[in-house]
Amino acid sequence: IVWVVRLSFAYEQPIILMKYVFAGFQGTLYLGIVTCLLLQEKEKLREAELQEKKEKSERMFKEWLQNSKNKPRPASAGCAYVNGKLATYPDGNAYPAPAFYNPIPWKPIPVPPPKEEKYVSVKKNKRPLSSHTHRSSSVLFQKSKSNVYLGSLHRLHK
């Protein structure tokens, strides 16, 4: 009995093979149990790493949330409140500081998508030109082809 270890590129893990010789017959046995054990250990390690990362990110998020709640905010300068009631009218020129802040900066603010309007291409309808007008303009450009400027206009016109 000869033990051979080779690397399987399909699974990127070692597969243990047992080569045996019995009564002149040679063959190879795949030891699936060992391969399964290697897979299970690898999966457990990956799950442990993911759990550790998740706990660390949760802890950091809770710290950030506490810091953001305790952060001092500027008082609004527009109104005066006495005993929870509005004492003065808000001044139109003095706006309070904006109250919105993005509580989770790595997540985008949900914005509803704009309503899609069907794009209608507006084409100017050309009036049917009479044959007389068409002939006269072509004759005019044919006569003036010696002039470079009018010749380029003729090309643009077509």
N, C-alpha and C. Protein backbone atom coordinates (compact mmCIF):
# COMPACT_ATOMS: atom_id res chain seq x y z
N ILE A 1 0.86 -1.18 0.00
CA ILE A 1 0.00 0.00 0.00
C ILE A 1 0.90 1.24 0.00
N VAL A 2 0.60 2.18 -0.90
CA VAL A 2 1.38 3.42 -1.02
C VAL A 2 0.41 4.59 -0.87
N TRP A 3 0.74 5.54 -0.01
CA TRP A 3 -0.10 6.74 0.17
C TRP A 3 0.47 7.85 -0.70
N VAL A 4 -0.40 8.53 -1.43
CA VAL A 4 0.01 9.62 -2.31
C VAL A 4 -0.91 10.81 -2.03
N VAL A 5 -0.33 11.99 -1.93
CA VAL A 5 -1.13 13.21 -1.75
C VAL A 5 -0.90 14.07 -2.96
N ARG A 6 -1.96 14.48 -3.62
CA ARG A 6 -1.83 15.40 -4.75
C ARG A 6 -2.83 16.53 -4.59
N LEU A 7 -2.55 17.63 -5.23
CA LEU A 7 -3.41 18.81 -5.14
C LEU A 7 -4.41 18.79 -6.27
N SER A 8 -5.67 18.89 -5.93
CA SER A 8 -6.72 18.93 -6.94
C SER A 8 -6.98 20.39 -7.29
N PHE A 9 -6.81 20.76 -8.54
CA PHE A 9 -6.99 22.15 -8.94
C PHE A 9 -8.46 22.52 -9.04
N ALA A 10 -9.32 21.54 -9.15
CA ALA A 10 -10.75 21.83 -9.23
C ALA A 10 -11.27 22.29 -7.88
N TYR A 11 -10.77 21.71 -6.79
CA TYR A 11 -11.28 22.05 -5.46
C TYR A 11 -10.28 22.84 -4.64
N GLU A 12 -9.06 23.01 -5.13
CA GLU A 12 -7.99 23.74 -4.46
C GLU A 12 -7.73 23.19 -3.06
N GLN A 13 -7.69 21.88 -2.93
CA GLN A 13 -7.40 21.25 -1.65
C GLN A 13 -6.71 19.92 -1.91
N PRO A 14 -5.97 19.41 -0.93
CA PRO A 14 -5.29 18.14 -1.16
C PRO A 14 -6.28 16.97 -1.14
N ILE A 15 -6.10 16.06 -2.03
CA ILE A 15 -6.90 14.84 -2.07
C ILE A 15 -5.94 13.69 -1.82
N ILE A 16 -6.27 12.85 -0.86
CA ILE A 16 -5.40 11.74 -0.51
C ILE A 16 -5.84 10.52 -1.31
N LEU A 17 -4.89 9.94 -1.99
CA LEU A 17 -5.15 8.76 -2.80
C LEU A 17 -4.44 7.57 -2.16
N MET A 18 -5.06 6.44 -2.26
CA MET A 18 -4.40 5.23 -1.79
C MET A 18 -4.19 4.32 -2.98
N LYS A 19 -2.96 4.06 -3.28
CA LYS A 19 -2.66 3.15 -4.39
C LYS A 19 -2.44 1.77 -3.80
N TYR A 20 -3.02 0.82 -4.41
CA TYR A 20 -2.86 -0.53 -3.90
C TYR A 20 -2.59 -1.49 -5.04
N VAL A 21 -1.94 -2.54 -4.69
CA VAL A 21 -1.66 -3.61 -5.64
C VAL A 21 -2.22 -4.88 -5.02
N PHE A 22 -3.13 -5.52 -5.71
CA PHE A 22 -3.75 -6.74 -5.18
C PHE A 22 -3.83 -7.76 -6.30
N ALA A 23 -3.14 -8.81 -6.16
CA ALA A 23 -3.16 -9.94 -7.10
C ALA A 23 -2.88 -9.47 -8.52
N GLY A 24 -1.89 -8.58 -8.65
CA GLY A 24 -1.51 -8.14 -9.98
C GLY A 24 -2.40 -7.04 -10.54
N PHE A 25 -3.43 -6.56 -9.79
CA PHE A 25 -4.33 -5.51 -10.28
C PHE A 25 -3.94 -4.20 -9.60
N GLN A 26 -3.73 -3.15 -10.38
CA GLN A 26 -3.38 -1.85 -9.81
C GLN A 26 -4.58 -0.92 -9.93
N GLY A 27 -4.80 -0.12 -8.95
CA GLY A 27 -5.91 0.83 -9.00
C GLY A 27 -5.70 1.96 -8.01
N THR A 28 -6.65 2.88 -7.96
CA THR A 28 -6.55 4.03 -7.08
C THR A 28 -7.86 4.18 -6.32
N LEU A 29 -7.79 4.34 -5.01
CA LEU A 29 -8.97 4.59 -4.18
C LEU A 29 -8.95 6.05 -3.73
N TYR A 30 -10.05 6.75 -3.91
CA TYR A 30 -10.17 8.11 -3.38
C TYR A 30 -10.72 8.00 -1.97
N LEU A 31 -10.03 8.58 -1.05
CA LEU A 31 -10.51 8.55 0.33
C LEU A 31 -11.39 9.77 0.54
N GLY A 32 -12.67 9.62 0.29
CA GLY A 32 -13.61 10.73 0.40
C GLY A 32 -13.79 11.22 1.81
N ILE A 33 -13.58 10.35 2.80
CA ILE A 33 -13.77 10.75 4.19
C ILE A 33 -12.76 11.82 4.57
N VAL A 34 -11.52 11.63 4.20
CA VAL A 34 -10.48 12.61 4.53
C VAL A 34 -10.76 13.93 3.83
N THR A 35 -11.20 13.85 2.56
CA THR A 35 -11.53 15.06 1.81
C THR A 35 -12.68 15.81 2.47
N CYS A 36 -13.70 15.07 2.92
CA CYS A 36 -14.84 15.71 3.59
C CYS A 36 -14.41 16.39 4.89
N LEU A 37 -13.49 15.74 5.63
CA LEU A 37 -13.01 16.34 6.86
C LEU A 37 -12.26 17.63 6.58
N LEU A 38 -11.45 17.63 5.53
CA LEU A 38 -10.73 18.85 5.16
C LEU A 38 -11.70 19.95 4.78
N LEU A 39 -12.75 19.62 4.04
CA LEU A 39 -13.75 20.61 3.66
C LEU A 39 -14.47 21.17 4.87
N GLN A 40 -14.84 20.30 5.82
CA GLN A 40 -15.56 20.76 7.00
C GLN A 40 -14.70 21.69 7.85
N GLU A 41 -13.42 21.36 8.01
CA GLU A 41 -12.53 22.23 8.78
C GLU A 41 -12.37 23.58 8.11
N LYS A 42 -12.23 23.56 6.81
CA LYS A 42 -12.08 24.82 6.06
C LYS A 42 -13.34 25.67 6.19
N GLU A 43 -14.51 25.04 6.12
CA GLU A 43 -15.78 25.75 6.24
C GLU A 43 -15.95 26.34 7.64
N LYS A 44 -15.56 25.58 8.67
CA LYS A 44 -15.66 26.07 10.04
C LYS A 44 -14.75 27.28 10.25
N LEU A 45 -13.54 27.23 9.70
CA LEU A 45 -12.63 28.37 9.81
C LEU A 45 -13.21 29.60 9.12
N ARG A 46 -13.79 29.41 7.95
CA ARG A 46 -14.37 30.54 7.22
C ARG A 46 -15.55 31.13 7.99
N GLU A 47 -16.40 30.27 8.56
CA GLU A 47 -17.54 30.76 9.33
C GLU A 47 -17.09 31.51 10.58
N ALA A 48 -16.04 31.01 11.24
CA ALA A 48 -15.51 31.69 12.43
C ALA A 48 -14.97 33.07 12.07
N GLU A 49 -14.27 33.17 10.94
CA GLU A 49 -13.75 34.47 10.50
C GLU A 49 -14.88 35.43 10.18
N LEU A 50 -15.92 34.93 9.50
CA LEU A 50 -17.06 35.79 9.18
C LEU A 50 -17.77 36.26 10.45
N GLN A 51 -17.93 35.38 11.42
CA GLN A 51 -18.59 35.74 12.68
C GLN A 51 -17.77 36.81 13.42
N GLU A 52 -16.45 36.64 13.41
CA GLU A 52 -15.59 37.62 14.07
C GLU A 52 -15.68 38.99 13.39
N LYS A 53 -15.68 39.00 12.07
CA LYS A 53 -15.81 40.26 11.33
C LYS A 53 -17.15 40.92 11.61
N LYS A 54 -18.20 40.11 11.68
CA LYS A 54 -19.54 40.64 11.93
C LYS A 54 -19.62 41.27 13.32
N GLU A 55 -19.08 40.59 14.32
CA GLU A 55 -19.09 41.13 15.68
C GLU A 55 -18.30 42.43 15.76
N LYS A 56 -17.16 42.47 15.09
CA LYS A 56 -16.34 43.69 15.11
C LYS A 56 -17.07 44.85 14.45
N SER A 57 -17.73 44.58 13.32
CA SER A 57 -18.44 45.65 12.62
C SER A 57 -19.64 46.12 13.44
N GLU A 58 -20.34 45.20 14.12
CA GLU A 58 -21.47 45.59 14.98
C GLU A 58 -20.97 46.47 16.13
N ARG A 59 -19.85 46.09 16.74
CA ARG A 59 -19.30 46.87 17.85
C ARG A 59 -18.91 48.28 17.38
N MET A 60 -18.26 48.35 16.22
CA MET A 60 -17.86 49.67 15.69
C MET A 60 -19.09 50.52 15.36
N PHE A 61 -20.12 49.89 14.82
CA PHE A 61 -21.33 50.63 14.48
C PHE A 61 -22.00 51.17 15.74
N LYS A 62 -22.08 50.35 16.79
CA LYS A 62 -22.70 50.82 18.04
C LYS A 62 -21.92 51.99 18.64
N GLU A 63 -20.59 51.91 18.59
CA GLU A 63 -19.78 53.03 19.07
C GLU A 63 -20.05 54.29 18.26
N TRP A 64 -20.10 54.14 16.96
CA TRP A 64 -20.35 55.31 16.10
C TRP A 64 -21.73 55.89 16.37
N LEU A 65 -22.72 55.00 16.56
CA LEU A 65 -24.09 55.47 16.81
C LEU A 65 -24.16 56.23 18.13
N GLN A 66 -23.49 55.75 19.16
CA GLN A 66 -23.47 56.46 20.44
C GLN A 66 -22.80 57.83 20.27
N ASN A 67 -21.70 57.87 19.54
CA ASN A 67 -21.01 59.15 19.32
C ASN A 67 -21.88 60.12 18.53
N SER A 68 -22.62 59.61 17.56
CA SER A 68 -23.45 60.51 16.76
C SER A 68 -24.65 61.02 17.55
N LYS A 69 -25.16 60.21 18.49
CA LYS A 69 -26.28 60.67 19.32
C LYS A 69 -25.83 61.73 20.32
N ASN A 70 -24.63 61.59 20.83
CA ASN A 70 -24.12 62.53 21.83
C ASN A 70 -23.47 63.76 21.21
N LYS A 71 -23.42 63.82 19.91
CA LYS A 71 -22.78 64.95 19.23
C LYS A 71 -23.58 66.22 19.47
N PRO A 72 -22.94 67.34 19.83
CA PRO A 72 -23.70 68.57 20.07
C PRO A 72 -24.31 69.11 18.78
N ARG A 73 -25.52 69.59 18.88
CA ARG A 73 -26.25 70.15 17.74
C ARG A 73 -26.46 71.64 17.97
N PRO A 74 -26.40 72.46 16.91
CA PRO A 74 -26.67 73.89 17.09
C PRO A 74 -28.15 74.13 17.34
N ALA A 75 -28.44 75.09 18.20
CA ALA A 75 -29.83 75.42 18.51
C ALA A 75 -30.42 76.22 17.36
N SER A 76 -31.71 76.03 17.13
CA SER A 76 -32.35 76.78 16.05
C SER A 76 -32.53 78.22 16.49
N ALA A 77 -32.26 79.15 15.57
CA ALA A 77 -32.30 80.57 15.89
C ALA A 77 -33.61 81.21 15.46
N GLY A 78 -34.52 80.47 14.89
CA GLY A 78 -35.71 81.08 14.31
C GLY A 78 -36.85 81.30 15.27
N CYS A 79 -37.02 80.45 16.27
CA CYS A 79 -38.19 80.54 17.13
C CYS A 79 -37.77 80.47 18.59
N ALA A 80 -38.63 80.98 19.46
CA ALA A 80 -38.40 80.88 20.90
C ALA A 80 -39.53 80.06 21.50
N TYR A 81 -39.17 79.07 22.29
CA TYR A 81 -40.17 78.23 22.95
C TYR A 81 -40.10 78.46 24.45
N VAL A 82 -41.26 78.62 25.06
CA VAL A 82 -41.35 78.75 26.51
C VAL A 82 -42.32 77.70 26.99
N ASN A 83 -41.86 76.85 27.89
CA ASN A 83 -42.67 75.75 28.43
C ASN A 83 -43.27 74.88 27.32
N GLY A 84 -42.53 74.67 26.27
CA GLY A 84 -42.99 73.80 25.19
C GLY A 84 -43.94 74.47 24.22
N LYS A 85 -44.24 75.78 24.42
CA LYS A 85 -45.15 76.48 23.52
C LYS A 85 -44.38 77.54 22.74
N LEU A 86 -44.83 77.79 21.54
CA LEU A 86 -44.19 78.77 20.68
C LEU A 86 -44.46 80.16 21.23
N ALA A 87 -43.39 80.90 21.60
CA ALA A 87 -43.55 82.22 22.20
C ALA A 87 -43.47 83.32 21.15
N THR A 88 -42.69 83.12 20.12
CA THR A 88 -42.56 84.15 19.09
C THR A 88 -42.82 83.54 17.73
N TYR A 89 -43.11 84.39 16.81
CA TYR A 89 -43.31 83.91 15.44
C TYR A 89 -41.96 83.72 14.78
N PRO A 90 -41.86 82.73 13.95
CA PRO A 90 -40.56 82.52 13.29
C PRO A 90 -40.23 83.66 12.34
N ASP A 91 -39.00 84.06 12.37
CA ASP A 91 -38.54 85.11 11.49
C ASP A 91 -38.30 84.50 10.11
N GLY A 92 -38.79 85.14 9.09
CA GLY A 92 -38.63 84.62 7.74
C GLY A 92 -37.20 84.61 7.28
N ASN A 93 -36.36 85.50 7.82
CA ASN A 93 -34.97 85.57 7.40
C ASN A 93 -34.06 84.61 8.18
N ALA A 94 -34.51 84.19 9.35
CA ALA A 94 -33.68 83.32 10.18
C ALA A 94 -34.22 81.90 10.09
N TYR A 95 -33.55 81.07 9.34
CA TYR A 95 -33.96 79.68 9.21
C TYR A 95 -33.20 78.84 10.23
N PRO A 96 -33.85 77.84 10.80
CA PRO A 96 -33.12 76.98 11.74
C PRO A 96 -32.09 76.13 11.00
N ALA A 97 -31.15 75.63 11.75
CA ALA A 97 -30.14 74.76 11.16
C ALA A 97 -30.82 73.49 10.66
N PRO A 98 -30.36 72.92 9.57
CA PRO A 98 -31.00 71.71 9.06
C PRO A 98 -30.91 70.58 10.08
N ALA A 99 -32.01 69.86 10.22
CA ALA A 99 -32.08 68.80 11.23
C ALA A 99 -31.68 67.45 10.67
N PHE A 100 -31.57 67.33 9.36
CA PHE A 100 -31.29 66.02 8.78
C PHE A 100 -29.80 65.75 8.75
N TYR A 101 -29.43 64.58 9.15
CA TYR A 101 -28.07 64.08 8.94
C TYR A 101 -28.20 62.61 8.58
N ASN A 102 -27.29 62.13 7.80
CA ASN A 102 -27.36 60.74 7.35
C ASN A 102 -26.88 59.84 8.49
N PRO A 103 -27.79 59.07 9.11
CA PRO A 103 -27.38 58.28 10.27
C PRO A 103 -26.42 57.14 9.94
N ILE A 104 -26.52 56.60 8.73
CA ILE A 104 -25.62 55.51 8.33
C ILE A 104 -24.91 55.97 7.07
N PRO A 105 -23.71 56.52 7.18
CA PRO A 105 -23.09 57.17 6.02
C PRO A 105 -22.71 56.22 4.89
N TRP A 106 -22.51 54.94 5.18
CA TRP A 106 -22.11 54.04 4.10
C TRP A 106 -23.29 53.47 3.35
N LYS A 107 -24.52 53.79 3.78
CA LYS A 107 -25.70 53.38 3.03
C LYS A 107 -26.27 54.60 2.33
N PRO A 108 -26.65 54.51 1.07
CA PRO A 108 -27.18 55.68 0.38
C PRO A 108 -28.56 56.06 0.91
N ILE A 109 -28.87 57.33 0.80
CA ILE A 109 -30.18 57.82 1.21
C ILE A 109 -31.20 57.32 0.20
N PRO A 110 -32.28 56.69 0.67
CA PRO A 110 -33.26 56.16 -0.29
C PRO A 110 -33.99 57.28 -1.02
N VAL A 111 -33.85 57.31 -2.30
CA VAL A 111 -34.50 58.31 -3.14
C VAL A 111 -35.34 57.56 -4.16
N PRO A 112 -36.63 57.89 -4.23
CA PRO A 112 -37.46 57.17 -5.21
C PRO A 112 -36.99 57.48 -6.62
N PRO A 113 -37.03 56.49 -7.50
CA PRO A 113 -36.57 56.73 -8.88
C PRO A 113 -37.51 57.70 -9.59
N PRO A 114 -36.98 58.52 -10.47
CA PRO A 114 -37.84 59.46 -11.19
C PRO A 114 -38.80 58.71 -12.10
N LYS A 115 -39.96 59.31 -12.26
CA LYS A 115 -40.96 58.69 -13.14
C LYS A 115 -40.44 58.76 -14.57
N GLU A 116 -40.49 57.62 -15.22
CA GLU A 116 -40.00 57.56 -16.59
C GLU A 116 -41.10 58.03 -17.53
N GLU A 117 -40.79 59.06 -18.25
CA GLU A 117 -41.74 59.54 -19.25
C GLU A 117 -41.28 59.02 -20.60
N LYS A 118 -42.23 58.62 -21.37
CA LYS A 118 -41.87 58.12 -22.69
C LYS A 118 -41.32 59.27 -23.51
N TYR A 119 -40.16 59.05 -24.05
CA TYR A 119 -39.51 60.08 -24.84
C TYR A 119 -40.17 60.10 -26.21
N VAL A 120 -40.76 61.21 -26.51
CA VAL A 120 -41.40 61.37 -27.81
C VAL A 120 -40.52 62.29 -28.62
N SER A 121 -39.97 61.76 -29.68
CA SER A 121 -39.10 62.59 -30.49
C SER A 121 -39.97 63.52 -31.33
N VAL A 122 -39.63 64.77 -31.23
CA VAL A 122 -40.39 65.78 -31.97
C VAL A 122 -39.64 66.04 -33.26
N LYS A 123 -40.23 65.68 -34.33
CA LYS A 123 -39.62 65.92 -35.63
C LYS A 123 -40.43 66.99 -36.35
N LYS A 124 -39.69 67.88 -36.95
CA LYS A 124 -40.38 68.91 -37.72
C LYS A 124 -40.80 68.29 -39.04
N ASN A 125 -42.06 68.41 -39.29
CA ASN A 125 -42.56 67.88 -40.56
C ASN A 125 -42.19 68.84 -41.67
N LYS A 126 -41.51 68.31 -42.64
CA LYS A 126 -41.15 69.15 -43.78
C LYS A 126 -42.36 69.28 -44.69
N ARG A 127 -42.54 70.47 -45.12
CA ARG A 127 -43.64 70.68 -46.07
C ARG A 127 -43.23 70.10 -47.41
N PRO A 128 -44.15 69.50 -48.09
CA PRO A 128 -43.79 68.99 -49.42
C PRO A 128 -43.42 70.16 -50.34
N LEU A 129 -42.21 70.08 -50.84
CA LEU A 129 -41.74 71.15 -51.71
C LEU A 129 -42.29 70.95 -53.12
N SER A 130 -42.65 72.03 -53.68
CA SER A 130 -43.11 71.92 -55.07
C SER A 130 -41.91 71.69 -55.96
N SER A 131 -42.12 71.10 -57.09
CA SER A 131 -41.02 70.80 -58.00
C SER A 131 -40.38 72.08 -58.52
N HIS A 132 -41.15 73.14 -58.63
CA HIS A 132 -40.61 74.41 -59.12
C HIS A 132 -39.59 74.97 -58.13
N THR A 133 -39.90 74.95 -56.83
CA THR A 133 -38.99 75.47 -55.81
C THR A 133 -37.72 74.62 -55.77
N HIS A 134 -37.88 73.34 -55.86
CA HIS A 134 -36.73 72.44 -55.80
C HIS A 134 -35.81 72.66 -57.00
N ARG A 135 -36.38 72.81 -58.15
CA ARG A 135 -35.57 73.01 -59.35
C ARG A 135 -34.84 74.33 -59.29
N SER A 136 -35.52 75.36 -58.81
CA SER A 136 -34.89 76.67 -58.82
C SER A 136 -33.72 76.71 -57.84
N SER A 137 -33.85 76.04 -56.65
CA SER A 137 -32.75 76.08 -55.69
C SER A 137 -31.56 75.27 -56.21
N SER A 138 -31.82 74.14 -56.87
CA SER A 138 -30.71 73.34 -57.39
C SER A 138 -30.01 74.07 -58.52
N VAL A 139 -30.77 74.79 -59.32
CA VAL A 139 -30.16 75.54 -60.41
C VAL A 139 -29.29 76.64 -59.83
N LEU A 140 -29.77 77.29 -58.77
CA LEU A 140 -29.02 78.36 -58.14
C LEU A 140 -27.68 77.83 -57.63
N PHE A 141 -27.67 76.67 -56.96
CA PHE A 141 -26.43 76.12 -56.43
C PHE A 141 -25.54 75.58 -57.54
N GLN A 142 -26.12 75.07 -58.60
CA GLN A 142 -25.28 74.57 -59.69
C GLN A 142 -24.54 75.71 -60.36
N LYS A 143 -25.19 76.85 -60.46
CA LYS A 143 -24.53 77.99 -61.10
C LYS A 143 -23.41 78.53 -60.21
N SER A 144 -23.57 78.41 -58.89
CA SER A 144 -22.61 79.05 -58.00
C SER A 144 -21.61 78.06 -57.41
N LYS A 145 -21.36 76.95 -58.06
CA LYS A 145 -20.41 75.98 -57.53
C LYS A 145 -18.97 76.49 -57.59
N SER A 146 -18.71 77.48 -58.41
CA SER A 146 -17.37 78.03 -58.47
C SER A 146 -17.03 78.73 -57.15
N ASN A 147 -18.05 79.24 -56.46
CA ASN A 147 -17.84 79.88 -55.18
C ASN A 147 -17.72 78.78 -54.11
N VAL A 148 -16.62 78.73 -53.35
CA VAL A 148 -16.37 77.66 -52.38
C VAL A 148 -17.40 77.69 -51.26
N TYR A 149 -17.75 78.85 -50.78
CA TYR A 149 -18.67 78.97 -49.65
C TYR A 149 -20.04 78.44 -50.03
N LEU A 150 -20.56 78.83 -51.18
CA LEU A 150 -21.88 78.38 -51.58
C LEU A 150 -21.86 76.90 -51.93
N GLY A 151 -20.74 76.39 -52.42
CA GLY A 151 -20.64 74.96 -52.70
C GLY A 151 -20.75 74.14 -51.42
N SER A 152 -20.12 74.62 -50.34
CA SER A 152 -20.22 73.90 -49.07
C SER A 152 -21.64 73.99 -48.52
N LEU A 153 -22.30 75.11 -48.76
CA LEU A 153 -23.71 75.23 -48.35
C LEU A 153 -24.56 74.24 -49.11
N HIS A 154 -24.23 74.03 -50.37
CA HIS A 154 -24.99 73.09 -51.18
C HIS A 154 -24.87 71.68 -50.61
N ARG A 155 -23.66 71.31 -50.15
CA ARG A 155 -23.47 69.98 -49.57
C ARG A 155 -24.22 69.87 -48.26
N LEU A 156 -24.20 70.91 -47.46
CA LEU A 156 -24.93 70.89 -46.20
C LEU A 156 -26.42 70.86 -46.43
N HIS A 157 -26.88 71.52 -47.46
CA HIS A 157 -28.31 71.62 -47.74
C HIS A 157 -28.89 70.26 -48.07
N LYS A 158 -28.13 69.45 -48.80
CA LYS A 158 -28.61 68.12 -49.17
C LYS A 158 -28.67 67.28 -47.94
